[in-house]
Amino acid sequence: MTFARARSVSGILGTTTRKIVTSAAFSASTVAAYADMARYELDPTHTAIYFTIDHIGYAKTLGVFTDVTGSFMYDTETQELRDVEVTIQAASVNTFNDARDGHVRNQDFLDVSTYPEITFVANGGTPSSANSGTVTGELTVLDQTLPVTLNVTLNKAAEYPFGHKREVLGLSLDTSILRSEFGMDYGVANGLVGDEVSINIETEAIKEDG
């Protein structure tokens, strides 16, 4: 009976040891996978978010947001993306006309005194090639949050040639939204201002040290 018990204990210990080793190996592989993820921050001096919208059917009116911050985690080998966070200060909108800017900032459009920020968050992307894909996340405008898909092109990934010399991702993104879906319907019914807003983003994202 002593011999049988010793075999039983040995079997239990062997099973437990295998479980521990397997668990440790899985944890190590998980850590290794995440170790390849790096944090990138949008360079504010090389980031532009601009939009166009129809004006009474005659032509498109151009606007830009000049105060934008953002970051994300990305693995350049696997194209894994997560923790995307972008914040736009709504009052930074510029349509190159002071009177129009004042109107866009008031309650008819962005209502910046009540809703000072526009945000976009996402936690993944879908690559379609080595340098293109889509990112679907949540866009919040006027406190209304809706899913939005961005088309993404990776223009270049390389060490910056001067200055900080860190890795930089050059990105072009575009999408379109219907502003009425966010509760911004001024001028839609009578055709004075278009409903569809075409949005483009050009940015350089700098890899953080460490």
N, C-alpha and C. Protein backbone atom coordinates (compact mmCIF):
# COMPACT_ATOMS: atom_id res chain seq x y z
N MET A 1 0.82 -1.20 0.00
CA MET A 1 0.00 0.00 0.00
C MET A 1 0.86 1.26 0.00
N THR A 2 2.01 1.15 0.69
CA THR A 2 2.91 2.30 0.71
C THR A 2 3.44 2.60 -0.68
N PHE A 3 3.77 1.50 -1.43
CA PHE A 3 4.28 1.68 -2.79
C PHE A 3 3.21 2.28 -3.70
N ALA A 4 1.99 1.81 -3.57
CA ALA A 4 0.88 2.32 -4.39
C ALA A 4 0.63 3.78 -4.10
N ARG A 5 0.68 4.13 -2.80
CA ARG A 5 0.45 5.53 -2.44
C ARG A 5 1.55 6.43 -2.99
N ALA A 6 2.81 5.91 -2.95
CA ALA A 6 3.93 6.68 -3.47
C ALA A 6 3.76 6.93 -4.95
N ARG A 7 3.26 5.91 -5.70
CA ARG A 7 3.03 6.10 -7.13
C ARG A 7 1.93 7.13 -7.37
N SER A 8 0.90 7.05 -6.48
CA SER A 8 -0.22 8.00 -6.62
C SER A 8 0.24 9.42 -6.39
N VAL A 9 1.04 9.62 -5.33
CA VAL A 9 1.56 10.95 -5.03
C VAL A 9 2.45 11.44 -6.16
N SER A 10 3.28 10.51 -6.67
CA SER A 10 4.17 10.87 -7.78
C SER A 10 3.37 11.31 -9.00
N GLY A 11 2.27 10.58 -9.27
CA GLY A 11 1.44 10.94 -10.41
C GLY A 11 0.81 12.30 -10.25
N ILE A 12 0.34 12.58 -9.02
CA ILE A 12 -0.27 13.88 -8.74
C ILE A 12 0.74 15.00 -8.92
N LEU A 13 1.93 14.76 -8.36
CA LEU A 13 2.98 15.77 -8.46
C LEU A 13 3.38 15.99 -9.92
N GLY A 14 3.44 14.90 -10.69
CA GLY A 14 3.81 15.03 -12.09
C GLY A 14 2.79 15.82 -12.87
N THR A 15 1.50 15.55 -12.61
CA THR A 15 0.43 16.28 -13.29
C THR A 15 0.46 17.74 -12.92
N THR A 16 0.64 18.01 -11.61
CA THR A 16 0.69 19.39 -11.14
C THR A 16 1.85 20.14 -11.75
N THR A 17 3.01 19.45 -11.80
CA THR A 17 4.20 20.09 -12.38
C THR A 17 3.98 20.43 -13.85
N ARG A 18 3.35 19.47 -14.59
CA ARG A 18 3.09 19.73 -16.00
C ARG A 18 2.16 20.91 -16.19
N LYS A 19 1.14 21.02 -15.30
CA LYS A 19 0.21 22.14 -15.38
C LYS A 19 0.92 23.47 -15.13
N ILE A 20 1.81 23.46 -14.12
CA ILE A 20 2.54 24.68 -13.79
C ILE A 20 3.44 25.09 -14.95
N VAL A 21 4.15 24.09 -15.52
CA VAL A 21 5.05 24.38 -16.64
C VAL A 21 4.26 24.89 -17.83
N THR A 22 3.12 24.24 -18.12
CA THR A 22 2.29 24.67 -19.25
C THR A 22 1.76 26.07 -19.04
N SER A 23 1.29 26.34 -17.81
CA SER A 23 0.77 27.67 -17.49
C SER A 23 1.85 28.72 -17.61
N ALA A 24 3.06 28.40 -17.11
CA ALA A 24 4.17 29.35 -17.18
C ALA A 24 4.56 29.62 -18.63
N ALA A 25 4.55 28.56 -19.45
CA ALA A 25 4.91 28.73 -20.86
C ALA A 25 3.89 29.60 -21.57
N PHE A 26 2.60 29.36 -21.26
CA PHE A 26 1.54 30.18 -21.88
C PHE A 26 1.67 31.63 -21.46
N SER A 27 1.93 31.86 -20.17
CA SER A 27 2.09 33.22 -19.66
C SER A 27 3.27 33.90 -20.32
N ALA A 28 4.37 33.15 -20.47
CA ALA A 28 5.56 33.72 -21.09
C ALA A 28 5.30 34.10 -22.54
N SER A 29 4.55 33.22 -23.26
CA SER A 29 4.26 33.53 -24.66
C SER A 29 3.35 34.74 -24.76
N THR A 30 2.41 34.87 -23.83
CA THR A 30 1.51 36.02 -23.82
C THR A 30 2.29 37.30 -23.57
N VAL A 31 3.18 37.25 -22.58
CA VAL A 31 4.01 38.42 -22.27
C VAL A 31 4.88 38.79 -23.47
N ALA A 32 5.45 37.75 -24.13
CA ALA A 32 6.30 38.01 -25.29
C ALA A 32 5.51 38.68 -26.40
N ALA A 33 4.27 38.22 -26.59
CA ALA A 33 3.43 38.80 -27.65
C ALA A 33 3.16 40.26 -27.38
N TYR A 34 2.80 40.56 -26.13
CA TYR A 34 2.51 41.95 -25.79
C TYR A 34 3.77 42.80 -25.75
N ALA A 35 4.93 42.13 -25.55
CA ALA A 35 6.18 42.89 -25.50
C ALA A 35 6.48 43.54 -26.83
N ASP A 36 5.94 42.97 -27.92
CA ASP A 36 6.18 43.53 -29.24
C ASP A 36 5.26 44.72 -29.54
N MET A 37 4.24 44.91 -28.73
CA MET A 37 3.36 46.06 -28.89
C MET A 37 4.09 47.31 -28.41
N ALA A 38 3.96 48.39 -29.14
CA ALA A 38 4.60 49.65 -28.75
C ALA A 38 3.55 50.75 -28.78
N ARG A 39 3.77 51.76 -27.96
CA ARG A 39 2.85 52.88 -27.90
C ARG A 39 3.32 53.98 -28.85
N TYR A 40 2.39 54.49 -29.62
CA TYR A 40 2.67 55.58 -30.55
C TYR A 40 1.79 56.78 -30.21
N GLU A 41 2.37 57.96 -30.28
CA GLU A 41 1.62 59.19 -30.03
C GLU A 41 1.56 60.01 -31.31
N LEU A 42 0.38 60.60 -31.57
CA LEU A 42 0.25 61.47 -32.72
C LEU A 42 1.10 62.71 -32.53
N ASP A 43 1.89 63.02 -33.53
CA ASP A 43 2.72 64.23 -33.49
C ASP A 43 1.81 65.43 -33.82
N PRO A 44 1.58 66.31 -32.85
CA PRO A 44 0.64 67.42 -33.10
C PRO A 44 1.09 68.37 -34.20
N THR A 45 2.40 68.42 -34.45
CA THR A 45 2.89 69.32 -35.49
C THR A 45 2.78 68.70 -36.88
N HIS A 46 2.47 67.41 -36.93
CA HIS A 46 2.30 66.73 -38.21
C HIS A 46 1.00 65.91 -38.22
N THR A 47 -0.03 66.48 -37.64
CA THR A 47 -1.35 65.84 -37.64
C THR A 47 -2.39 66.85 -38.11
N ALA A 48 -3.17 66.46 -39.09
CA ALA A 48 -4.23 67.33 -39.60
C ALA A 48 -5.51 66.52 -39.76
N ILE A 49 -6.59 67.01 -39.16
CA ILE A 49 -7.91 66.43 -39.37
C ILE A 49 -8.74 67.48 -40.09
N TYR A 50 -9.16 67.14 -41.29
CA TYR A 50 -9.93 68.12 -42.07
C TYR A 50 -11.18 67.47 -42.64
N PHE A 51 -12.17 68.30 -42.93
CA PHE A 51 -13.44 67.78 -43.41
C PHE A 51 -13.99 68.68 -44.51
N THR A 52 -14.87 68.13 -45.33
CA THR A 52 -15.59 68.92 -46.32
C THR A 52 -17.07 68.61 -46.21
N ILE A 53 -17.88 69.63 -46.51
CA ILE A 53 -19.33 69.48 -46.42
C ILE A 53 -19.97 70.37 -47.48
N ASP A 54 -21.06 69.88 -48.04
CA ASP A 54 -21.70 70.59 -49.14
C ASP A 54 -22.35 71.90 -48.67
N HIS A 55 -22.22 72.93 -49.51
CA HIS A 55 -22.84 74.24 -49.23
C HIS A 55 -23.84 74.58 -50.32
N ILE A 56 -25.12 74.35 -50.06
CA ILE A 56 -26.25 74.65 -50.93
C ILE A 56 -26.08 74.04 -52.33
N GLY A 57 -25.28 73.01 -52.44
CA GLY A 57 -25.09 72.35 -53.72
C GLY A 57 -24.07 73.01 -54.63
N TYR A 58 -23.56 74.17 -54.23
CA TYR A 58 -22.61 74.88 -55.09
C TYR A 58 -21.20 74.30 -55.03
N ALA A 59 -20.72 74.09 -53.82
CA ALA A 59 -19.34 73.62 -53.65
C ALA A 59 -19.18 73.06 -52.24
N LYS A 60 -18.05 72.43 -52.00
CA LYS A 60 -17.73 71.92 -50.67
C LYS A 60 -17.03 73.00 -49.86
N THR A 61 -17.40 73.09 -48.58
CA THR A 61 -16.71 73.98 -47.65
C THR A 61 -15.71 73.16 -46.85
N LEU A 62 -14.49 73.69 -46.71
CA LEU A 62 -13.42 72.99 -46.01
C LEU A 62 -13.28 73.49 -44.58
N GLY A 63 -13.05 72.56 -43.67
CA GLY A 63 -12.76 72.91 -42.29
C GLY A 63 -11.68 72.02 -41.73
N VAL A 64 -10.94 72.52 -40.74
CA VAL A 64 -9.88 71.73 -40.09
C VAL A 64 -10.01 71.88 -38.58
N PHE A 65 -9.52 70.86 -37.88
CA PHE A 65 -9.37 70.94 -36.43
C PHE A 65 -7.88 71.03 -36.14
N THR A 66 -7.50 72.04 -35.37
CA THR A 66 -6.08 72.30 -35.16
C THR A 66 -5.54 71.83 -33.81
N ASP A 67 -6.42 71.33 -32.93
CA ASP A 67 -5.99 70.87 -31.61
C ASP A 67 -6.41 69.42 -31.45
N VAL A 68 -5.47 68.51 -31.71
CA VAL A 68 -5.75 67.08 -31.71
C VAL A 68 -4.67 66.35 -30.92
N THR A 69 -5.07 65.43 -30.05
CA THR A 69 -4.13 64.56 -29.34
C THR A 69 -4.59 63.12 -29.50
N GLY A 70 -3.65 62.20 -29.44
CA GLY A 70 -4.04 60.80 -29.57
C GLY A 70 -2.88 59.85 -29.43
N SER A 71 -3.21 58.58 -29.21
CA SER A 71 -2.20 57.54 -29.08
C SER A 71 -2.83 56.18 -29.37
N PHE A 72 -1.97 55.18 -29.59
CA PHE A 72 -2.44 53.81 -29.80
C PHE A 72 -1.29 52.85 -29.57
N MET A 73 -1.64 51.58 -29.39
CA MET A 73 -0.66 50.51 -29.28
C MET A 73 -0.67 49.74 -30.59
N TYR A 74 0.55 49.41 -31.09
CA TYR A 74 0.61 48.74 -32.40
C TYR A 74 1.85 47.85 -32.49
N ASP A 75 1.68 46.72 -33.18
CA ASP A 75 2.77 45.80 -33.47
C ASP A 75 2.99 45.82 -34.98
N THR A 76 4.12 46.32 -35.41
CA THR A 76 4.38 46.46 -36.85
C THR A 76 4.56 45.11 -37.54
N GLU A 77 4.88 44.05 -36.79
CA GLU A 77 5.06 42.73 -37.39
C GLU A 77 3.73 42.02 -37.61
N THR A 78 2.88 42.02 -36.57
CA THR A 78 1.61 41.29 -36.65
C THR A 78 0.45 42.18 -37.10
N GLN A 79 0.65 43.50 -37.13
CA GLN A 79 -0.38 44.49 -37.44
C GLN A 79 -1.49 44.52 -36.38
N GLU A 80 -1.18 44.02 -35.20
CA GLU A 80 -2.16 44.08 -34.11
C GLU A 80 -2.26 45.52 -33.60
N LEU A 81 -3.49 45.95 -33.37
CA LEU A 81 -3.77 47.32 -32.93
C LEU A 81 -4.69 47.28 -31.73
N ARG A 82 -4.44 48.15 -30.77
CA ARG A 82 -5.37 48.29 -29.64
C ARG A 82 -5.17 49.64 -28.95
N ASP A 83 -6.09 49.94 -28.05
CA ASP A 83 -6.01 51.15 -27.20
C ASP A 83 -5.90 52.44 -28.01
N VAL A 84 -6.71 52.56 -29.06
CA VAL A 84 -6.73 53.78 -29.85
C VAL A 84 -7.56 54.84 -29.10
N GLU A 85 -6.98 56.00 -28.90
CA GLU A 85 -7.68 57.10 -28.24
C GLU A 85 -7.30 58.41 -28.92
N VAL A 86 -8.30 59.11 -29.46
CA VAL A 86 -8.06 60.39 -30.11
C VAL A 86 -9.05 61.41 -29.56
N THR A 87 -8.54 62.59 -29.22
CA THR A 87 -9.39 63.65 -28.68
C THR A 87 -9.19 64.92 -29.50
N ILE A 88 -10.30 65.49 -29.96
CA ILE A 88 -10.29 66.74 -30.72
C ILE A 88 -10.95 67.82 -29.88
N GLN A 89 -10.28 68.95 -29.74
CA GLN A 89 -10.91 70.09 -29.08
C GLN A 89 -11.81 70.77 -30.11
N ALA A 90 -13.13 70.68 -29.87
CA ALA A 90 -14.10 71.14 -30.87
C ALA A 90 -13.94 72.62 -31.22
N ALA A 91 -13.56 73.43 -30.23
CA ALA A 91 -13.42 74.87 -30.46
C ALA A 91 -12.26 75.21 -31.38
N SER A 92 -11.39 74.22 -31.68
CA SER A 92 -10.25 74.48 -32.56
C SER A 92 -10.64 74.44 -34.04
N VAL A 93 -11.93 74.24 -34.34
CA VAL A 93 -12.36 74.18 -35.73
C VAL A 93 -12.06 75.49 -36.45
N ASN A 94 -11.61 75.39 -37.68
CA ASN A 94 -11.25 76.56 -38.49
C ASN A 94 -11.74 76.34 -39.91
N THR A 95 -12.68 77.19 -40.36
CA THR A 95 -13.19 77.10 -41.73
C THR A 95 -12.73 78.28 -42.57
N PHE A 96 -11.75 79.02 -42.05
CA PHE A 96 -11.11 80.12 -42.77
C PHE A 96 -12.05 81.31 -43.01
N ASN A 97 -13.00 81.46 -42.08
CA ASN A 97 -13.90 82.61 -42.10
C ASN A 97 -14.40 82.82 -40.68
N ASP A 98 -14.10 83.97 -40.10
CA ASP A 98 -14.40 84.19 -38.69
C ASP A 98 -15.90 84.06 -38.38
N ALA A 99 -16.73 84.66 -39.23
CA ALA A 99 -18.17 84.61 -38.98
C ALA A 99 -18.68 83.17 -39.05
N ARG A 100 -18.22 82.43 -40.05
CA ARG A 100 -18.65 81.03 -40.20
C ARG A 100 -18.12 80.18 -39.04
N ASP A 101 -16.89 80.46 -38.61
CA ASP A 101 -16.34 79.71 -37.47
C ASP A 101 -17.21 79.89 -36.24
N GLY A 102 -17.65 81.12 -36.00
CA GLY A 102 -18.51 81.38 -34.84
C GLY A 102 -19.81 80.60 -34.94
N HIS A 103 -20.36 80.51 -36.15
CA HIS A 103 -21.61 79.76 -36.34
C HIS A 103 -21.39 78.27 -36.12
N VAL A 104 -20.30 77.73 -36.66
CA VAL A 104 -20.02 76.30 -36.51
C VAL A 104 -19.80 75.94 -35.05
N ARG A 105 -19.28 76.87 -34.26
CA ARG A 105 -19.02 76.58 -32.85
C ARG A 105 -20.28 76.70 -31.98
N ASN A 106 -21.35 77.32 -32.49
CA ASN A 106 -22.52 77.53 -31.63
C ASN A 106 -23.46 76.33 -31.63
N GLN A 107 -24.67 76.52 -31.06
CA GLN A 107 -25.59 75.41 -30.83
C GLN A 107 -26.12 74.78 -32.11
N ASP A 108 -26.04 75.47 -33.24
CA ASP A 108 -26.53 74.89 -34.49
C ASP A 108 -25.66 73.73 -34.97
N PHE A 109 -24.39 73.76 -34.59
CA PHE A 109 -23.47 72.73 -35.06
C PHE A 109 -22.75 72.04 -33.90
N LEU A 110 -21.54 72.48 -33.58
CA LEU A 110 -20.72 71.75 -32.60
C LEU A 110 -21.03 72.06 -31.14
N ASP A 111 -21.67 73.19 -30.87
CA ASP A 111 -22.05 73.57 -29.50
C ASP A 111 -20.87 73.36 -28.54
N VAL A 112 -19.75 74.02 -28.84
CA VAL A 112 -18.50 73.73 -28.14
C VAL A 112 -18.52 74.11 -26.66
N SER A 113 -19.37 75.05 -26.27
CA SER A 113 -19.42 75.42 -24.86
C SER A 113 -20.04 74.30 -24.02
N THR A 114 -20.92 73.51 -24.62
CA THR A 114 -21.54 72.38 -23.91
C THR A 114 -20.77 71.09 -24.11
N TYR A 115 -20.25 70.90 -25.33
CA TYR A 115 -19.54 69.66 -25.68
C TYR A 115 -18.15 70.02 -26.23
N PRO A 116 -17.20 70.28 -25.34
CA PRO A 116 -15.90 70.80 -25.79
C PRO A 116 -15.02 69.79 -26.53
N GLU A 117 -15.32 68.49 -26.40
CA GLU A 117 -14.44 67.49 -27.01
C GLU A 117 -15.19 66.55 -27.95
N ILE A 118 -14.51 66.17 -29.00
CA ILE A 118 -14.94 65.10 -29.90
C ILE A 118 -13.93 63.96 -29.71
N THR A 119 -14.41 62.74 -29.51
CA THR A 119 -13.49 61.64 -29.22
C THR A 119 -13.73 60.44 -30.14
N PHE A 120 -12.66 59.71 -30.36
CA PHE A 120 -12.73 58.44 -31.09
C PHE A 120 -11.91 57.42 -30.33
N VAL A 121 -12.49 56.26 -30.07
CA VAL A 121 -11.78 55.17 -29.39
C VAL A 121 -12.01 53.87 -30.17
N ALA A 122 -10.99 53.02 -30.17
CA ALA A 122 -11.09 51.72 -30.84
C ALA A 122 -10.13 50.75 -30.17
N ASN A 123 -10.39 49.47 -30.34
CA ASN A 123 -9.54 48.47 -29.70
C ASN A 123 -9.19 47.33 -30.66
N GLY A 124 -9.00 47.70 -31.92
CA GLY A 124 -8.59 46.69 -32.89
C GLY A 124 -8.74 47.21 -34.30
N GLY A 125 -8.15 46.48 -35.22
CA GLY A 125 -8.23 46.85 -36.63
C GLY A 125 -8.27 45.59 -37.49
N THR A 126 -8.58 45.77 -38.77
CA THR A 126 -8.65 44.64 -39.71
C THR A 126 -7.73 44.92 -40.90
N PRO A 127 -6.54 44.31 -40.93
CA PRO A 127 -5.64 44.53 -42.06
C PRO A 127 -6.20 43.90 -43.34
N SER A 128 -6.01 44.58 -44.46
CA SER A 128 -6.39 44.02 -45.75
C SER A 128 -5.17 43.79 -46.63
N SER A 129 -4.04 44.38 -46.27
CA SER A 129 -2.76 44.17 -46.95
C SER A 129 -1.66 44.58 -45.99
N ALA A 130 -0.43 44.60 -46.48
CA ALA A 130 0.70 44.96 -45.62
C ALA A 130 0.66 46.42 -45.19
N ASN A 131 -0.05 47.26 -45.96
CA ASN A 131 -0.06 48.68 -45.63
C ASN A 131 -1.46 49.31 -45.66
N SER A 132 -2.49 48.50 -45.55
CA SER A 132 -3.84 49.07 -45.54
C SER A 132 -4.78 48.21 -44.73
N GLY A 133 -5.90 48.82 -44.35
CA GLY A 133 -6.89 48.10 -43.57
C GLY A 133 -7.97 49.05 -43.08
N THR A 134 -8.74 48.60 -42.11
CA THR A 134 -9.80 49.42 -41.52
C THR A 134 -9.72 49.36 -40.01
N VAL A 135 -10.20 50.42 -39.40
CA VAL A 135 -10.32 50.47 -37.94
C VAL A 135 -11.74 50.92 -37.62
N THR A 136 -12.46 50.10 -36.90
CA THR A 136 -13.82 50.44 -36.48
C THR A 136 -13.82 50.77 -35.00
N GLY A 137 -14.34 51.93 -34.66
CA GLY A 137 -14.39 52.34 -33.26
C GLY A 137 -15.63 53.16 -33.00
N GLU A 138 -15.60 53.88 -31.89
CA GLU A 138 -16.74 54.68 -31.47
C GLU A 138 -16.40 56.16 -31.51
N LEU A 139 -17.18 56.90 -32.28
CA LEU A 139 -17.02 58.35 -32.40
C LEU A 139 -18.09 59.02 -31.56
N THR A 140 -17.66 59.96 -30.72
CA THR A 140 -18.60 60.69 -29.87
C THR A 140 -18.60 62.16 -30.26
N VAL A 141 -19.77 62.64 -30.70
CA VAL A 141 -19.98 64.04 -31.07
C VAL A 141 -21.29 64.48 -30.42
N LEU A 142 -21.29 65.64 -29.78
CA LEU A 142 -22.50 66.15 -29.10
C LEU A 142 -23.06 65.12 -28.12
N ASP A 143 -22.16 64.39 -27.47
CA ASP A 143 -22.52 63.38 -26.47
C ASP A 143 -23.28 62.20 -27.08
N GLN A 144 -23.26 62.07 -28.41
CA GLN A 144 -23.85 60.92 -29.09
C GLN A 144 -22.72 60.03 -29.60
N THR A 145 -22.76 58.74 -29.27
CA THR A 145 -21.69 57.82 -29.64
C THR A 145 -22.20 56.80 -30.65
N LEU A 146 -21.51 56.72 -31.79
CA LEU A 146 -21.89 55.81 -32.86
C LEU A 146 -20.66 55.12 -33.43
N PRO A 147 -20.83 53.90 -33.98
CA PRO A 147 -19.69 53.22 -34.61
C PRO A 147 -19.31 53.89 -35.92
N VAL A 148 -18.01 54.02 -36.14
CA VAL A 148 -17.48 54.61 -37.37
C VAL A 148 -16.29 53.78 -37.81
N THR A 149 -16.20 53.52 -39.11
CA THR A 149 -15.08 52.76 -39.66
C THR A 149 -14.17 53.69 -40.46
N LEU A 150 -12.89 53.66 -40.13
CA LEU A 150 -11.87 54.44 -40.83
C LEU A 150 -11.12 53.56 -41.81
N ASN A 151 -10.92 54.05 -43.02
CA ASN A 151 -10.02 53.40 -43.97
C ASN A 151 -8.61 53.91 -43.69
N VAL A 152 -7.67 52.99 -43.56
CA VAL A 152 -6.32 53.36 -43.13
C VAL A 152 -5.27 52.92 -44.15
N THR A 153 -4.35 53.82 -44.46
CA THR A 153 -3.19 53.49 -45.28
C THR A 153 -1.92 53.83 -44.51
N LEU A 154 -1.05 52.85 -44.38
CA LEU A 154 0.26 53.07 -43.77
C LEU A 154 1.21 53.49 -44.88
N ASN A 155 1.56 54.76 -44.91
CA ASN A 155 2.42 55.30 -45.97
C ASN A 155 3.88 54.91 -45.79
N LYS A 156 4.32 54.92 -44.53
CA LYS A 156 5.74 54.66 -44.27
C LYS A 156 5.93 54.34 -42.80
N ALA A 157 6.83 53.39 -42.52
CA ALA A 157 7.22 53.07 -41.15
C ALA A 157 8.74 53.00 -41.13
N ALA A 158 9.37 53.99 -40.49
CA ALA A 158 10.83 54.06 -40.52
C ALA A 158 11.34 55.00 -39.43
N GLU A 159 12.62 54.87 -39.13
CA GLU A 159 13.25 55.78 -38.18
C GLU A 159 13.27 57.19 -38.78
N TYR A 160 12.92 58.17 -37.95
CA TYR A 160 12.91 59.56 -38.41
C TYR A 160 14.34 59.97 -38.78
N PRO A 161 14.54 60.67 -39.87
CA PRO A 161 15.90 60.92 -40.37
C PRO A 161 16.69 61.95 -39.57
N PHE A 162 16.05 62.70 -38.70
CA PHE A 162 16.78 63.69 -37.90
C PHE A 162 16.01 63.93 -36.61
N GLY A 163 16.55 64.82 -35.76
CA GLY A 163 15.86 65.13 -34.51
C GLY A 163 15.82 63.95 -33.56
N HIS A 164 14.61 63.51 -33.19
CA HIS A 164 14.45 62.47 -32.18
C HIS A 164 14.90 61.09 -32.67
N LYS A 165 14.93 60.85 -34.00
CA LYS A 165 15.42 59.60 -34.59
C LYS A 165 14.62 58.37 -34.15
N ARG A 166 13.41 58.56 -33.69
CA ARG A 166 12.58 57.44 -33.29
C ARG A 166 11.77 56.92 -34.48
N GLU A 167 11.21 55.72 -34.31
CA GLU A 167 10.38 55.16 -35.37
C GLU A 167 9.10 55.99 -35.52
N VAL A 168 8.72 56.24 -36.76
CA VAL A 168 7.52 57.02 -37.05
C VAL A 168 6.66 56.26 -38.05
N LEU A 169 5.36 56.23 -37.79
CA LEU A 169 4.39 55.68 -38.73
C LEU A 169 3.70 56.85 -39.42
N GLY A 170 3.73 56.87 -40.74
CA GLY A 170 3.00 57.88 -41.50
C GLY A 170 1.68 57.30 -41.96
N LEU A 171 0.57 57.93 -41.59
CA LEU A 171 -0.76 57.36 -41.80
C LEU A 171 -1.69 58.32 -42.51
N SER A 172 -2.49 57.78 -43.44
CA SER A 172 -3.59 58.52 -44.06
C SER A 172 -4.89 57.76 -43.77
N LEU A 173 -5.90 58.48 -43.31
CA LEU A 173 -7.17 57.85 -42.94
C LEU A 173 -8.33 58.66 -43.50
N ASP A 174 -9.42 57.98 -43.79
CA ASP A 174 -10.60 58.71 -44.24
C ASP A 174 -11.87 57.96 -43.87
N THR A 175 -12.95 58.70 -43.77
CA THR A 175 -14.27 58.14 -43.50
C THR A 175 -15.31 59.19 -43.84
N SER A 176 -16.56 58.86 -43.66
CA SER A 176 -17.63 59.85 -43.80
C SER A 176 -18.72 59.52 -42.79
N ILE A 177 -19.41 60.54 -42.35
CA ILE A 177 -20.50 60.36 -41.39
C ILE A 177 -21.69 61.21 -41.84
N LEU A 178 -22.86 60.88 -41.30
CA LEU A 178 -24.04 61.73 -41.44
C LEU A 178 -24.19 62.48 -40.13
N ARG A 179 -24.02 63.78 -40.17
CA ARG A 179 -24.03 64.57 -38.93
C ARG A 179 -25.39 64.54 -38.25
N SER A 180 -26.46 64.34 -39.02
CA SER A 180 -27.80 64.28 -38.42
C SER A 180 -27.94 63.10 -37.47
N GLU A 181 -27.17 62.05 -37.69
CA GLU A 181 -27.22 60.90 -36.80
C GLU A 181 -26.69 61.22 -35.41
N PHE A 182 -25.91 62.30 -35.32
CA PHE A 182 -25.38 62.75 -34.03
C PHE A 182 -26.23 63.88 -33.45
N GLY A 183 -27.36 64.16 -34.07
CA GLY A 183 -28.24 65.21 -33.58
C GLY A 183 -27.91 66.59 -34.10
N MET A 184 -27.05 66.66 -35.12
CA MET A 184 -26.66 67.95 -35.70
C MET A 184 -27.37 68.09 -37.05
N ASP A 185 -28.58 68.63 -37.05
CA ASP A 185 -29.38 68.63 -38.27
C ASP A 185 -29.69 70.02 -38.83
N TYR A 186 -28.99 71.04 -38.36
CA TYR A 186 -29.21 72.40 -38.88
C TYR A 186 -28.94 72.42 -40.39
N GLY A 187 -29.88 72.95 -41.17
CA GLY A 187 -29.69 73.13 -42.59
C GLY A 187 -29.81 71.88 -43.44
N VAL A 188 -30.14 70.75 -42.84
CA VAL A 188 -30.24 69.51 -43.60
C VAL A 188 -31.55 69.47 -44.39
N ALA A 189 -32.65 69.72 -43.72
CA ALA A 189 -33.97 69.59 -44.34
C ALA A 189 -34.15 70.53 -45.53
N ASN A 190 -33.62 71.74 -45.43
CA ASN A 190 -33.79 72.71 -46.52
C ASN A 190 -32.62 72.74 -47.50
N GLY A 191 -31.65 71.86 -47.31
CA GLY A 191 -30.56 71.73 -48.26
C GLY A 191 -29.51 72.81 -48.20
N LEU A 192 -29.53 73.64 -47.15
CA LEU A 192 -28.52 74.70 -47.05
C LEU A 192 -27.13 74.14 -46.74
N VAL A 193 -27.09 73.14 -45.88
CA VAL A 193 -25.81 72.53 -45.49
C VAL A 193 -25.97 71.02 -45.61
N GLY A 194 -25.00 70.37 -46.22
CA GLY A 194 -25.08 68.93 -46.43
C GLY A 194 -25.11 68.13 -45.13
N ASP A 195 -25.66 66.93 -45.24
CA ASP A 195 -25.69 66.02 -44.10
C ASP A 195 -24.41 65.21 -44.01
N GLU A 196 -23.92 64.76 -45.16
CA GLU A 196 -22.71 63.93 -45.17
C GLU A 196 -21.47 64.79 -44.98
N VAL A 197 -20.62 64.35 -44.07
CA VAL A 197 -19.35 65.02 -43.80
C VAL A 197 -18.22 64.06 -44.17
N SER A 198 -17.40 64.45 -45.11
CA SER A 198 -16.23 63.65 -45.49
C SER A 198 -15.05 64.07 -44.62
N ILE A 199 -14.40 63.10 -44.00
CA ILE A 199 -13.34 63.38 -43.03
C ILE A 199 -12.04 62.72 -43.48
N ASN A 200 -10.96 63.47 -43.43
CA ASN A 200 -9.63 62.96 -43.74
C ASN A 200 -8.67 63.27 -42.60
N ILE A 201 -7.76 62.34 -42.39
CA ILE A 201 -6.75 62.51 -41.34
C ILE A 201 -5.38 62.19 -41.93
N GLU A 202 -4.45 63.08 -41.75
CA GLU A 202 -3.05 62.85 -42.11
C GLU A 202 -2.23 63.01 -40.83
N THR A 203 -1.46 61.99 -40.51
CA THR A 203 -0.73 62.07 -39.24
C THR A 203 0.57 61.30 -39.28
N GLU A 204 1.50 61.74 -38.44
CA GLU A 204 2.73 61.01 -38.16
C GLU A 204 2.70 60.62 -36.69
N ALA A 205 2.82 59.33 -36.43
CA ALA A 205 2.75 58.81 -35.06
C ALA A 205 4.13 58.37 -34.61
N ILE A 206 4.58 58.91 -33.50
CA ILE A 206 5.94 58.67 -33.02
C ILE A 206 5.96 57.58 -31.95
N LYS A 207 6.85 56.61 -32.12
CA LYS A 207 6.98 55.53 -31.15
C LYS A 207 7.61 56.05 -29.87
N GLU A 208 7.01 55.66 -28.75
CA GLU A 208 7.56 56.09 -27.47
C GLU A 208 8.83 55.31 -27.15
N ASP A 209 9.73 55.95 -26.43
CA ASP A 209 10.96 55.29 -26.01
C ASP A 209 10.64 54.21 -24.98
N GLY A 210 11.44 53.17 -24.99
CA GLY A 210 11.30 52.14 -23.96
C GLY A 210 10.24 51.14 -24.28
